[in-house]
């Protein structure tokens, strides 16, 4: 279940196209990347936010959408009250805003529906996000 190592992806902009609150602490954000984007179930992206003074904060988020879901990607972001990035998404970000992202990244925790056979997925907390992509991909 591992892919070939990938070269480092360049940063690109992505526009928030939809926002949906899932639970009191988790919100899904759909992004439309500025360049073509294809991923495998289980991969993630790095998100980079830049403050007006130039300070940058980066975080990795697993992709929740299935690879065949279309050109955009869904990230399910859990709010961490003392975090630098998740409060921005929960309190400030709006449809139409642009962020920077890099990816898809990661090839060690991926799954292809063509692998077949029964599958048991176990996860907890934010660890269920890559499993969401795998379940959606399996359908």
C-alpha atoms as a PDB file:
ATOM      1  CA  UNK A   1       0.000   0.000   0.000  1.00  0.00           C
ATOM      2  CA  UNK A   2       2.767   2.500  -0.663  1.00  0.00           C
ATOM      3  CA  UNK A   3       3.325   4.659  -3.702  1.00  0.00           C
ATOM      4  CA  UNK A   4       6.558   5.736  -5.298  1.00  0.00           C
ATOM      5  CA  UNK A   5       8.222   8.690  -3.539  1.00  0.00           C
ATOM      6  CA  UNK A   6       6.978  11.968  -4.935  1.00  0.00           C
ATOM      7  CA  UNK A   7       9.017  15.050  -5.704  1.00  0.00           C
ATOM      8  CA  UNK A   8       8.276  17.997  -3.442  1.00  0.00           C
ATOM      9  CA  UNK A   9       5.151  19.708  -4.771  1.00  0.00           C
ATOM     10  CA  UNK A  10       5.313  23.453  -5.328  1.00  0.00           C
ATOM     11  CA  UNK A  11       3.016  25.774  -3.407  1.00  0.00           C
ATOM     12  CA  UNK A  12      -0.124  26.893  -5.212  1.00  0.00           C
ATOM     13  CA  UNK A  13      -3.167  28.955  -4.351  1.00  0.00           C
ATOM     14  CA  UNK A  14      -6.540  27.370  -3.712  1.00  0.00           C
ATOM     15  CA  UNK A  15      -9.888  29.119  -3.329  1.00  0.00           C
ATOM     16  CA  UNK A  16     -12.404  28.124  -0.661  1.00  0.00           C
ATOM     17  CA  UNK A  17     -15.523  27.102  -2.601  1.00  0.00           C
ATOM     18  CA  UNK A  18     -17.718  25.722   0.189  1.00  0.00           C
ATOM     19  CA  UNK A  19     -17.789  25.516   3.997  1.00  0.00           C
ATOM     20  CA  UNK A  20     -19.919  23.098   6.032  1.00  0.00           C
ATOM     21  CA  UNK A  21     -19.929  22.700   9.811  1.00  0.00           C
ATOM     22  CA  UNK A  22     -19.831  18.965  10.607  1.00  0.00           C
ATOM     23  CA  UNK A  23     -19.679  18.980  14.427  1.00  0.00           C
ATOM     24  CA  UNK A  24     -19.183  21.703  17.048  1.00  0.00           C
ATOM     25  CA  UNK A  25     -15.393  21.319  16.559  1.00  0.00           C
ATOM     26  CA  UNK A  26     -14.989  20.101  12.958  1.00  0.00           C
ATOM     27  CA  UNK A  27     -15.750  22.027   9.784  1.00  0.00           C
ATOM     28  CA  UNK A  28     -15.241  20.844   6.209  1.00  0.00           C
ATOM     29  CA  UNK A  29     -13.700  23.242   3.714  1.00  0.00           C
ATOM     30  CA  UNK A  30     -13.736  22.594  -0.033  1.00  0.00           C
ATOM     31  CA  UNK A  31     -10.903  24.095  -2.055  1.00  0.00           C
ATOM     32  CA  UNK A  32     -10.427  24.617  -5.778  1.00  0.00           C
ATOM     33  CA  UNK A  33      -6.672  24.528  -6.462  1.00  0.00           C
ATOM     34  CA  UNK A  34      -5.293  26.887  -9.096  1.00  0.00           C
ATOM     35  CA  UNK A  35      -3.573  24.002 -10.919  1.00  0.00           C
ATOM     36  CA  UNK A  36      -4.739  20.455 -11.731  1.00  0.00           C
ATOM     37  CA  UNK A  37      -4.808  18.319  -8.610  1.00  0.00           C
ATOM     38  CA  UNK A  38      -5.100  14.545  -8.359  1.00  0.00           C
ATOM     39  CA  UNK A  39      -4.609  12.538  -5.182  1.00  0.00           C
ATOM     40  CA  UNK A  40      -4.922   9.058  -3.736  1.00  0.00           C
ATOM     41  CA  UNK A  41      -7.163   8.172  -0.786  1.00  0.00           C
ATOM     42  CA  UNK A  42      -5.031   8.607   2.343  1.00  0.00           C
ATOM     43  CA  UNK A  43      -2.829  11.470   1.130  1.00  0.00           C
ATOM     44  CA  UNK A  44      -2.571  14.936   2.694  1.00  0.00           C
ATOM     45  CA  UNK A  45      -1.707  18.532   1.835  1.00  0.00           C
ATOM     46  CA  UNK A  46       0.326  21.189   3.598  1.00  0.00           C
ATOM     47  CA  UNK A  47      -1.476  24.491   4.147  1.00  0.00           C
ATOM     48  CA  UNK A  48       0.478  27.725   4.573  1.00  0.00           C
ATOM     49  CA  UNK A  49      -0.977  30.938   5.974  1.00  0.00           C
ATOM     50  CA  UNK A  50       0.969  34.198   5.800  1.00  0.00           C
ATOM     51  CA  UNK A  51       0.227  37.074   8.203  1.00  0.00           C
ATOM     52  CA  UNK A  52       0.468  40.724   7.085  1.00  0.00           C
ATOM     53  CA  UNK A  53       3.832  41.001   8.883  1.00  0.00           C
ATOM     54  CA  UNK A  54       5.213  38.051   6.877  1.00  0.00           C
ATOM     55  CA  UNK A  55       4.955  35.426   9.623  1.00  0.00           C
ATOM     56  CA  UNK A  56       4.006  32.034   8.203  1.00  0.00           C
ATOM     57  CA  UNK A  57       2.287  29.062   9.817  1.00  0.00           C
ATOM     58  CA  UNK A  58       2.092  25.656   8.128  1.00  0.00           C
ATOM     59  CA  UNK A  59      -0.018  22.632   8.957  1.00  0.00           C
ATOM     60  CA  UNK A  60      -0.704  19.291   7.307  1.00  0.00           C
ATOM     61  CA  UNK A  61      -4.290  18.176   6.745  1.00  0.00           C
ATOM     62  CA  UNK A  62      -5.499  14.837   5.416  1.00  0.00           C
ATOM     63  CA  UNK A  63      -7.702  14.974   2.346  1.00  0.00           C
ATOM     64  CA  UNK A  64     -11.264  13.852   3.149  1.00  0.00           C
ATOM     65  CA  UNK A  65     -12.586  13.711  -0.409  1.00  0.00           C
ATOM     66  CA  UNK A  66     -12.329  10.666  -2.643  1.00  0.00           C
ATOM     67  CA  UNK A  67      -9.957  10.951  -5.604  1.00  0.00           C
ATOM     68  CA  UNK A  68     -12.844  10.756  -8.071  1.00  0.00           C
ATOM     69  CA  UNK A  69     -14.829  13.533  -6.319  1.00  0.00           C
ATOM     70  CA  UNK A  70     -13.748  16.140  -8.884  1.00  0.00           C
ATOM     71  CA  UNK A  71     -11.155  18.849  -9.282  1.00  0.00           C
ATOM     72  CA  UNK A  72     -11.526  20.230  -5.756  1.00  0.00           C
ATOM     73  CA  UNK A  73     -10.540  18.760  -2.414  1.00  0.00           C
ATOM     74  CA  UNK A  74     -12.237  18.605   0.977  1.00  0.00           C
ATOM     75  CA  UNK A  75     -10.329  19.133   4.210  1.00  0.00           C
ATOM     76  CA  UNK A  76     -12.104  18.398   7.516  1.00  0.00           C
ATOM     77  CA  UNK A  77     -10.399  20.747   9.976  1.00  0.00           C
ATOM     78  CA  UNK A  78     -10.743  20.275  13.725  1.00  0.00           C
ATOM     79  CA  UNK A  79     -10.647  23.451  15.799  1.00  0.00           C
ATOM     80  CA  UNK A  80      -7.760  23.544  18.269  1.00  0.00           C
ATOM     81  CA  UNK A  81      -8.375  26.502  20.563  1.00  0.00           C
ATOM     82  CA  UNK A  82      -4.680  27.191  21.112  1.00  0.00           C
ATOM     83  CA  UNK A  83      -3.744  26.491  17.484  1.00  0.00           C
ATOM     84  CA  UNK A  84      -2.362  28.975  14.991  1.00  0.00           C
ATOM     85  CA  UNK A  85      -4.101  27.714  11.866  1.00  0.00           C
ATOM     86  CA  UNK A  86      -7.389  25.995  12.755  1.00  0.00           C
ATOM     87  CA  UNK A  87      -8.889  29.080  14.511  1.00  0.00           C
ATOM     88  CA  UNK A  88      -8.271  31.055  11.311  1.00  0.00           C
ATOM     89  CA  UNK A  89     -10.310  28.567   9.320  1.00  0.00           C
ATOM     90  CA  UNK A  90     -13.108  28.363  11.898  1.00  0.00           C
ATOM     91  CA  UNK A  91     -13.343  32.075  12.759  1.00  0.00           C
ATOM     92  CA  UNK A  92     -12.096  34.041   9.749  1.00  0.00           C
ATOM     93  CA  UNK A  93     -12.043  32.050   6.502  1.00  0.00           C
ATOM     94  CA  UNK A  94     -14.916  32.551   4.071  1.00  0.00           C
ATOM     95  CA  UNK A  95     -15.989  31.262   0.677  1.00  0.00           C
ATOM     96  CA  UNK A  96     -13.871  33.001  -1.950  1.00  0.00           C
ATOM     97  CA  UNK A  97     -10.774  33.341   0.248  1.00  0.00           C
ATOM     98  CA  UNK A  98      -7.477  32.077  -1.128  1.00  0.00           C
ATOM     99  CA  UNK A  99      -4.918  30.059   0.806  1.00  0.00           C
ATOM    100  CA  UNK A 100      -1.673  28.380  -0.190  1.00  0.00           C
ATOM    101  CA  UNK A 101      -1.349  24.621  -0.301  1.00  0.00           C
ATOM    102  CA  UNK A 102       1.177  22.039  -1.415  1.00  0.00           C
ATOM    103  CA  UNK A 103       0.484  18.477  -2.349  1.00  0.00           C
ATOM    104  CA  UNK A 104      -0.763  15.880  -2.564  1.00  0.00           C
ATOM    105  CA  UNK A 105       1.813  14.442  -0.185  1.00  0.00           C
ATOM    106  CA  UNK A 106       2.365  11.062   1.425  1.00  0.00           C
ATOM    107  CA  UNK A 107       2.423   7.650  -0.096  1.00  0.00           C
ATOM    108  CA  UNK A 108       2.715   5.292   2.860  1.00  0.00           C
ATOM    109  CA  UNK A 109      -0.907   5.352   4.051  1.00  0.00           C
ATOM    110  CA  UNK A 110      -2.873   5.141   0.827  1.00  0.00           C
ATOM    111  CA  UNK A 111      -5.478   2.712  -0.401  1.00  0.00           C
ATOM    112  CA  UNK A 112      -6.798   1.902  -3.857  1.00  0.00           C
ATOM    113  CA  UNK A 113     -10.320   0.525  -4.264  1.00  0.00           C
ATOM    114  CA  UNK A 114      -8.901  -1.907  -6.830  1.00  0.00           C
ATOM    115  CA  UNK A 115      -6.974  -3.621  -3.995  1.00  0.00           C
ATOM    116  CA  UNK A 116     -10.275  -5.405  -3.283  1.00  0.00           C
ATOM    117  CA  UNK A 117     -11.083  -7.731  -0.418  1.00  0.00           C
ATOM    118  CA  UNK A 118     -12.561  -6.901   2.959  1.00  0.00           C
ATOM    119  CA  UNK A 119     -11.211  -3.817   4.678  1.00  0.00           C
ATOM    120  CA  UNK A 120     -11.160  -2.928   8.370  1.00  0.00           C
ATOM    121  CA  UNK A 121     -10.482   0.758   9.039  1.00  0.00           C
ATOM    122  CA  UNK A 122      -9.837   1.873  12.614  1.00  0.00           C
ATOM    123  CA  UNK A 123      -9.191   5.480  13.575  1.00  0.00           C
ATOM    124  CA  UNK A 124      -9.976   8.087  16.161  1.00  0.00           C
ATOM    125  CA  UNK A 125     -10.115  11.855  16.373  1.00  0.00           C
ATOM    126  CA  UNK A 126      -8.712  13.639  13.341  1.00  0.00           C
ATOM    127  CA  UNK A 127      -7.232  10.286  12.296  1.00  0.00           C
ATOM    128  CA  UNK A 128     -10.570   9.359  10.752  1.00  0.00           C
ATOM    129  CA  UNK A 129     -10.160  11.945   7.965  1.00  0.00           C
ATOM    130  CA  UNK A 130      -7.980   9.854   5.632  1.00  0.00           C
ATOM    131  CA  UNK A 131     -10.303   6.933   6.356  1.00  0.00           C
ATOM    132  CA  UNK A 132     -13.222   9.081   5.123  1.00  0.00           C
ATOM    133  CA  UNK A 133     -11.464   9.408   1.758  1.00  0.00           C
ATOM    134  CA  UNK A 134     -10.909   5.647   1.643  1.00  0.00           C
ATOM    135  CA  UNK A 135     -14.554   4.817   2.444  1.00  0.00           C
ATOM    136  CA  UNK A 136     -15.795   7.344  -0.118  1.00  0.00           C
ATOM    137  CA  UNK A 137     -13.370   5.900  -2.683  1.00  0.00           C
ATOM    138  CA  UNK A 138     -14.594   2.344  -1.972  1.00  0.00           C
ATOM    139  CA  UNK A 139     -18.248   3.140  -2.811  1.00  0.00           C
END
